[in-house]
Amino acid sequence: MDRIAAALGDGARWRIVELLAGRPRSVGELAELTGLRQPQTTKHLQTLARAGLVTVFPLGQRRVYALDVAVLAGFAGRVRELAETAEKHAGERDVIERYRAAIEAETAVADRPRWADGRRFSFERVLPAAPDTVWRHWVDPGLLASWWAPPPMTVTECVLEPRAGGRAVLEYRDAEGRYRSEGRVHAAKEPERLVFDLSVLDAAGAVTFSSHYDLGLSAAGSGTRLRLGLRIAATTVEAVPYIAGIETGWGQVLDNLADVVGRAQRTTMRPTKGKDNPS
């Protein structure tokens, strides 16, 4: 596939392939139609032949070149697969586009310190598990790490100690670096409410901005209604990309939480083999 892609990456060779798609042609005819000199045309045909795209037929004094349709069709099939995969993940490209637009909008108004102070966000989900299960996914570090970062981030440390004065820490990384937030838990009532602060730190450990979180969990049928309120404080101008990403980022991580809780619930409810359940 690499050789084929490289061979087709040249404009002159692409034109030769277009011409050969109509019918087999000689070197002289291809040179005339492309406007290339015959030695150049021959070199391009040799490259296409090494890639398996072209077959040569010696016919007496003439050499006629034809496309290998099976090879070209195989390459086309692979391209179609890539296009279909990209189409399936179009939503992820939409997320990036929304984030880019949000950064542009925030940059336009971030002209002074504390520019976003007091701004509020709210999120709500109905999760397919009881409140005590959802609560554990917030306060157990292992469970918290399983969902508390948007893709492609990886959590490296996370703590929400469910008591007044408890630590609140979120650190995650990607290929570009590490990102850390620290704060304190202000109130915890299992399995109903968790109130905490987190301050996003820059590389030197200075606060970029702070967020106050108020998490509420309540029964909703056989599941849990989650409500999360977020209020911004102590904003710096450098906080633009973080503020711009709050809406999208928290939407993604709460979707992660819903998926993780749902999988855990299905695993818990799956019947096991035994004397009373032989199947």
Protein backbone atom coordinates (compact mmCIF):
# COMPACT_ATOMS: atom_id res chain seq x y z
CA MET A 1 0.00 0.00 0.00
CA ASP A 2 2.86 2.41 0.79
CA ARG A 3 4.42 1.97 -2.65
CA ILE A 4 1.09 2.47 -4.38
CA ALA A 5 0.34 5.61 -2.37
CA ALA A 6 3.81 7.00 -3.09
CA ALA A 7 3.50 6.22 -6.80
CA LEU A 8 0.12 7.91 -7.07
CA GLY A 9 1.32 10.93 -5.12
CA ASP A 10 2.99 12.41 -8.20
CA GLY A 11 0.75 14.47 -10.49
CA ALA A 12 2.30 13.18 -13.71
CA ARG A 13 1.96 9.54 -12.66
CA TRP A 14 -1.64 10.17 -11.59
CA ARG A 15 -2.36 11.53 -15.09
CA ILE A 16 -0.76 8.44 -16.65
CA VAL A 17 -2.97 6.21 -14.51
CA GLU A 18 -6.02 8.21 -15.60
CA LEU A 19 -5.09 7.68 -19.23
CA LEU A 20 -4.43 3.96 -18.73
CA ALA A 21 -7.80 3.57 -17.04
CA GLY A 22 -9.37 4.16 -20.44
CA ARG A 23 -7.29 1.57 -22.30
CA PRO A 24 -3.72 0.22 -22.61
CA ARG A 25 -1.34 2.70 -24.27
CA SER A 26 2.23 2.84 -25.56
CA VAL A 27 4.98 5.00 -24.11
CA GLY A 28 4.90 7.30 -27.12
CA GLU A 29 1.16 7.82 -26.88
CA LEU A 30 1.36 8.53 -23.13
CA ALA A 31 4.21 11.00 -23.66
CA GLU A 32 2.22 12.82 -26.32
CA LEU A 33 -0.94 13.00 -24.19
CA THR A 34 0.84 14.13 -21.01
CA GLY A 35 3.25 16.56 -22.68
CA LEU A 36 6.22 14.77 -21.10
CA ARG A 37 9.38 13.67 -22.87
CA GLN A 38 9.48 9.94 -23.61
CA PRO A 39 12.37 9.18 -21.16
CA GLN A 40 10.41 10.91 -18.36
CA THR A 41 7.31 8.93 -19.26
CA THR A 42 9.28 5.70 -19.20
CA LYS A 43 10.63 6.45 -15.71
CA HIS A 44 7.13 7.18 -14.40
CA LEU A 45 5.86 3.92 -15.90
CA GLN A 46 8.71 2.02 -14.27
CA THR A 47 7.75 3.48 -10.89
CA LEU A 48 4.12 2.50 -11.43
CA ALA A 49 5.21 -0.99 -12.46
CA ARG A 50 7.33 -1.44 -9.32
CA ALA A 51 4.29 -0.49 -7.28
CA GLY A 52 2.33 -3.20 -9.08
CA LEU A 53 -0.10 -0.78 -10.68
CA VAL A 54 1.06 -1.23 -14.28
CA THR A 55 1.90 -4.24 -16.44
CA VAL A 56 3.98 -4.00 -19.62
CA PHE A 57 3.23 -6.04 -22.75
CA PRO A 58 6.06 -6.24 -25.34
CA LEU A 59 4.38 -6.35 -28.74
CA GLY A 60 7.12 -6.67 -31.31
CA GLN A 61 8.88 -3.30 -31.47
CA ARG A 62 6.28 -1.67 -29.24
CA ARG A 63 5.77 -1.78 -25.49
CA VAL A 64 2.21 -1.29 -24.34
CA TYR A 65 1.30 -0.56 -20.74
CA ALA A 66 -1.95 -1.49 -18.99
CA LEU A 67 -3.30 -1.02 -15.47
CA ASP A 68 -3.45 -3.99 -13.14
CA VAL A 69 -7.09 -3.61 -12.23
CA ALA A 70 -6.95 -5.99 -9.25
CA VAL A 71 -4.15 -4.03 -7.59
CA LEU A 72 -5.88 -0.70 -8.21
CA ALA A 73 -9.17 -2.10 -6.91
CA GLY A 74 -7.45 -3.36 -3.76
CA PHE A 75 -6.00 0.08 -3.13
CA ALA A 76 -9.37 1.70 -3.80
CA GLY A 77 -11.00 -0.68 -1.34
CA ARG A 78 -8.52 0.29 1.36
CA VAL A 79 -9.20 3.98 0.70
CA ARG A 80 -12.94 3.32 0.98
CA GLU A 81 -12.37 1.59 4.33
CA LEU A 82 -10.45 4.61 5.59
CA ALA A 83 -13.22 6.94 4.41
CA GLU A 84 -15.86 4.82 6.14
CA THR A 85 -13.83 4.79 9.36
CA ALA A 86 -13.39 8.55 9.20
CA GLU A 87 -17.13 8.96 8.63
CA LYS A 88 -17.90 6.86 11.71
CA HIS A 89 -15.70 9.16 13.80
CA ALA A 90 -16.97 12.42 12.33
CA GLY A 91 -18.31 13.38 15.75
CA GLU A 92 -14.78 13.54 17.15
CA ARG A 93 -13.77 16.00 14.44
CA ASP A 94 -16.85 18.04 15.31
CA VAL A 95 -15.64 18.18 18.93
CA ILE A 96 -12.30 19.62 17.79
CA GLU A 97 -14.04 22.17 15.60
CA ARG A 98 -16.28 23.31 18.47
CA TYR A 99 -13.24 23.57 20.74
CA ARG A 100 -11.37 25.67 18.16
CA ALA A 101 -14.36 27.99 17.79
CA ALA A 102 -14.68 28.28 21.59
CA ILE A 103 -10.99 29.23 21.94
CA GLU A 104 -11.43 31.98 19.33
CA ALA A 105 -14.52 33.31 21.13
CA GLU A 106 -12.86 33.28 24.56
CA THR A 107 -9.67 34.87 23.26
CA ALA A 108 -11.71 37.81 22.02
CA VAL A 109 -12.97 38.61 25.55
CA ALA A 110 -9.98 37.52 27.68
CA ASP A 111 -8.46 41.00 27.82
CA ARG A 112 -7.88 41.27 31.58
CA PRO A 113 -7.36 39.17 34.73
CA ARG A 114 -10.49 37.60 36.27
CA TRP A 115 -12.29 37.97 32.94
CA ALA A 116 -14.34 34.77 33.42
CA ASP A 117 -14.93 34.97 37.18
CA GLY A 118 -18.46 34.05 38.17
CA ARG A 119 -19.22 32.16 34.99
CA ARG A 120 -21.35 29.08 35.66
CA PHE A 121 -21.85 25.77 33.90
CA SER A 122 -24.30 22.98 34.64
CA PHE A 123 -24.43 19.38 33.50
CA GLU A 124 -26.99 16.64 33.98
CA ARG A 125 -27.06 12.93 33.23
CA VAL A 126 -29.27 9.96 34.14
CA LEU A 127 -26.97 7.01 34.80
CA PRO A 128 -27.96 3.32 34.72
CA ALA A 129 -26.91 2.49 38.30
CA ALA A 130 -27.96 3.20 41.88
CA PRO A 131 -26.63 6.36 43.61
CA ASP A 132 -24.24 4.41 45.84
CA THR A 133 -22.60 2.86 42.75
CA VAL A 134 -22.24 6.24 41.05
CA TRP A 135 -20.88 7.71 44.31
CA ARG A 136 -18.14 5.07 44.38
CA HIS A 137 -17.10 6.06 40.86
CA TRP A 138 -16.43 9.56 42.21
CA VAL A 139 -14.61 8.77 45.46
CA ASP A 140 -12.72 5.54 44.71
CA PRO A 141 -9.43 6.58 43.02
CA GLY A 142 -9.30 3.51 40.78
CA LEU A 143 -12.87 3.96 39.57
CA LEU A 144 -12.42 7.72 39.26
CA ALA A 145 -9.37 7.23 37.03
CA SER A 146 -11.41 5.01 34.70
CA TRP A 147 -13.46 7.95 33.41
CA TRP A 148 -12.19 11.34 34.64
CA ALA A 149 -10.29 12.49 31.52
CA PRO A 150 -11.43 13.26 27.99
CA PRO A 151 -9.80 11.31 25.13
CA PRO A 152 -6.90 11.05 24.40
CA MET A 153 -5.86 12.05 27.93
CA THR A 154 -4.69 9.48 30.49
CA VAL A 155 -5.22 10.01 34.23
CA THR A 156 -1.97 9.73 36.22
CA GLU A 157 -3.34 10.77 39.64
CA CYS A 158 -6.82 11.50 40.90
CA VAL A 159 -8.21 11.88 44.42
CA LEU A 160 -11.51 13.10 45.83
CA GLU A 161 -11.44 12.35 49.57
CA PRO A 162 -15.12 12.33 50.65
CA ARG A 163 -14.80 14.46 53.81
CA ALA A 164 -14.59 18.14 54.61
CA GLY A 165 -10.97 19.21 54.15
CA GLY A 166 -10.14 16.15 52.04
CA ARG A 167 -7.77 16.41 49.11
CA ALA A 168 -8.95 16.96 45.55
CA VAL A 169 -6.38 16.19 42.87
CA LEU A 170 -6.61 15.58 39.14
CA GLU A 171 -3.50 15.05 37.03
CA TYR A 172 -3.57 13.72 33.50
CA ARG A 173 -1.25 13.62 30.51
CA ASP A 174 -1.19 13.34 26.77
CA ALA A 175 1.59 13.32 24.18
CA GLU A 176 2.11 17.07 24.72
CA GLY A 177 2.61 17.09 28.49
CA ARG A 178 1.07 16.82 31.95
CA TYR A 179 -1.78 18.88 33.41
CA ARG A 180 -2.47 19.15 37.13
CA SER A 181 -5.27 20.54 39.30
CA GLU A 182 -5.38 20.65 43.10
CA GLY A 183 -7.99 21.67 45.65
CA ARG A 184 -10.07 20.67 48.65
CA VAL A 185 -13.35 18.94 49.37
CA HIS A 186 -15.75 21.21 51.29
CA ALA A 187 -18.68 18.90 51.93
CA ALA A 188 -19.52 15.24 51.43
CA LYS A 189 -22.77 13.43 52.15
CA GLU A 190 -22.74 9.85 50.89
CA PRO A 191 -24.26 9.11 48.38
CA GLU A 192 -25.99 12.43 47.74
CA ARG A 193 -23.65 15.39 47.54
CA LEU A 194 -19.99 16.24 47.02
CA VAL A 195 -18.71 19.84 47.02
CA PHE A 196 -15.11 20.59 46.11
CA ASP A 197 -12.72 23.09 44.52
CA LEU A 198 -10.01 22.48 41.94
CA SER A 199 -7.39 24.99 40.75
CA VAL A 200 -5.69 24.38 37.42
CA LEU A 201 -1.92 24.86 37.76
CA ASP A 202 0.54 25.96 35.10
CA ALA A 203 3.98 24.39 34.58
CA ALA A 204 5.43 26.54 37.38
CA GLY A 205 2.67 25.57 39.82
CA ALA A 206 0.81 28.92 39.67
CA VAL A 207 -2.99 28.96 39.58
CA THR A 208 -4.45 29.54 36.12
CA PHE A 209 -8.05 29.54 37.35
CA SER A 210 -10.18 27.83 39.99
CA SER A 211 -13.47 25.97 39.76
CA HIS A 212 -16.06 25.31 42.46
CA TYR A 213 -17.99 22.06 41.92
CA ASP A 214 -21.29 21.00 43.44
CA LEU A 215 -22.23 17.40 42.62
CA GLY A 216 -25.68 16.07 43.45
CA LEU A 217 -26.88 12.48 43.06
CA SER A 218 -30.49 11.37 43.45
CA ALA A 219 -32.48 8.26 42.62
CA ALA A 220 -34.24 8.29 39.26
CA GLY A 221 -36.22 5.07 38.84
CA SER A 222 -33.66 2.28 38.84
CA GLY A 223 -30.86 4.72 38.01
CA THR A 224 -29.32 7.96 39.24
CA ARG A 225 -29.85 11.56 38.22
CA LEU A 226 -26.52 13.37 38.31
CA ARG A 227 -26.40 17.17 38.48
CA LEU A 228 -23.07 18.95 38.41
CA GLY A 229 -22.73 22.69 38.90
CA LEU A 230 -19.46 24.49 38.16
CA ARG A 231 -18.50 28.09 38.97
CA ILE A 232 -15.30 29.80 37.78
CA ALA A 233 -13.07 32.04 39.92
CA ALA A 234 -9.55 33.55 39.95
CA THR A 235 -9.28 33.53 36.16
CA THR A 236 -6.06 34.56 34.42
CA VAL A 237 -5.71 35.52 30.77
CA GLU A 238 -3.74 32.31 30.22
CA ALA A 239 -6.82 30.29 31.17
CA VAL A 240 -8.42 30.72 27.72
CA PRO A 241 -7.91 27.14 26.39
CA TYR A 242 -9.09 25.63 29.69
CA ILE A 243 -12.23 27.77 29.94
CA ALA A 244 -12.99 27.13 26.27
CA GLY A 245 -12.79 23.39 26.86
CA ILE A 246 -15.05 23.14 29.92
CA GLU A 247 -18.33 22.57 28.11
CA THR A 248 -16.93 20.00 25.69
CA GLY A 249 -14.54 18.37 28.17
CA TRP A 250 -17.08 17.79 30.91
CA GLY A 251 -19.58 16.56 28.37
CA GLN A 252 -17.04 13.95 27.27
CA VAL A 253 -16.03 12.80 30.75
CA LEU A 254 -19.63 12.47 31.89
CA ASP A 255 -20.30 10.38 28.81
CA ASN A 256 -17.27 8.30 29.87
CA LEU A 257 -18.80 7.93 33.33
CA ALA A 258 -22.12 6.78 31.87
CA ASP A 259 -20.33 4.17 29.75
CA VAL A 260 -18.17 2.91 32.63
CA VAL A 261 -21.11 2.71 35.05
CA GLY A 262 -23.23 0.99 32.42
CA ARG A 263 -20.57 -1.64 31.74
CA ALA A 264 -20.08 -2.24 35.48
CA GLN A 265 -23.82 -2.63 35.94
CA ARG A 266 -24.11 -5.14 33.10
CA THR A 267 -21.21 -7.16 34.51
CA THR A 268 -22.78 -7.21 37.98
CA MET A 269 -26.13 -8.37 36.62
CA ARG A 270 -24.67 -11.07 34.34
CA PRO A 271 -25.68 -14.55 35.59
CA THR A 272 -22.87 -16.83 36.70
CA LYS A 273 -22.63 -20.57 36.23
CA GLY A 274 -23.28 -22.78 39.23
CA LYS A 275 -25.54 -25.38 40.72
CA ASP A 276 -28.56 -23.11 40.61
CA ASN A 277 -27.66 -21.61 37.24
CA PRO A 278 -26.06 -24.28 35.03
CA SER A 279 -26.34 -22.38 31.78
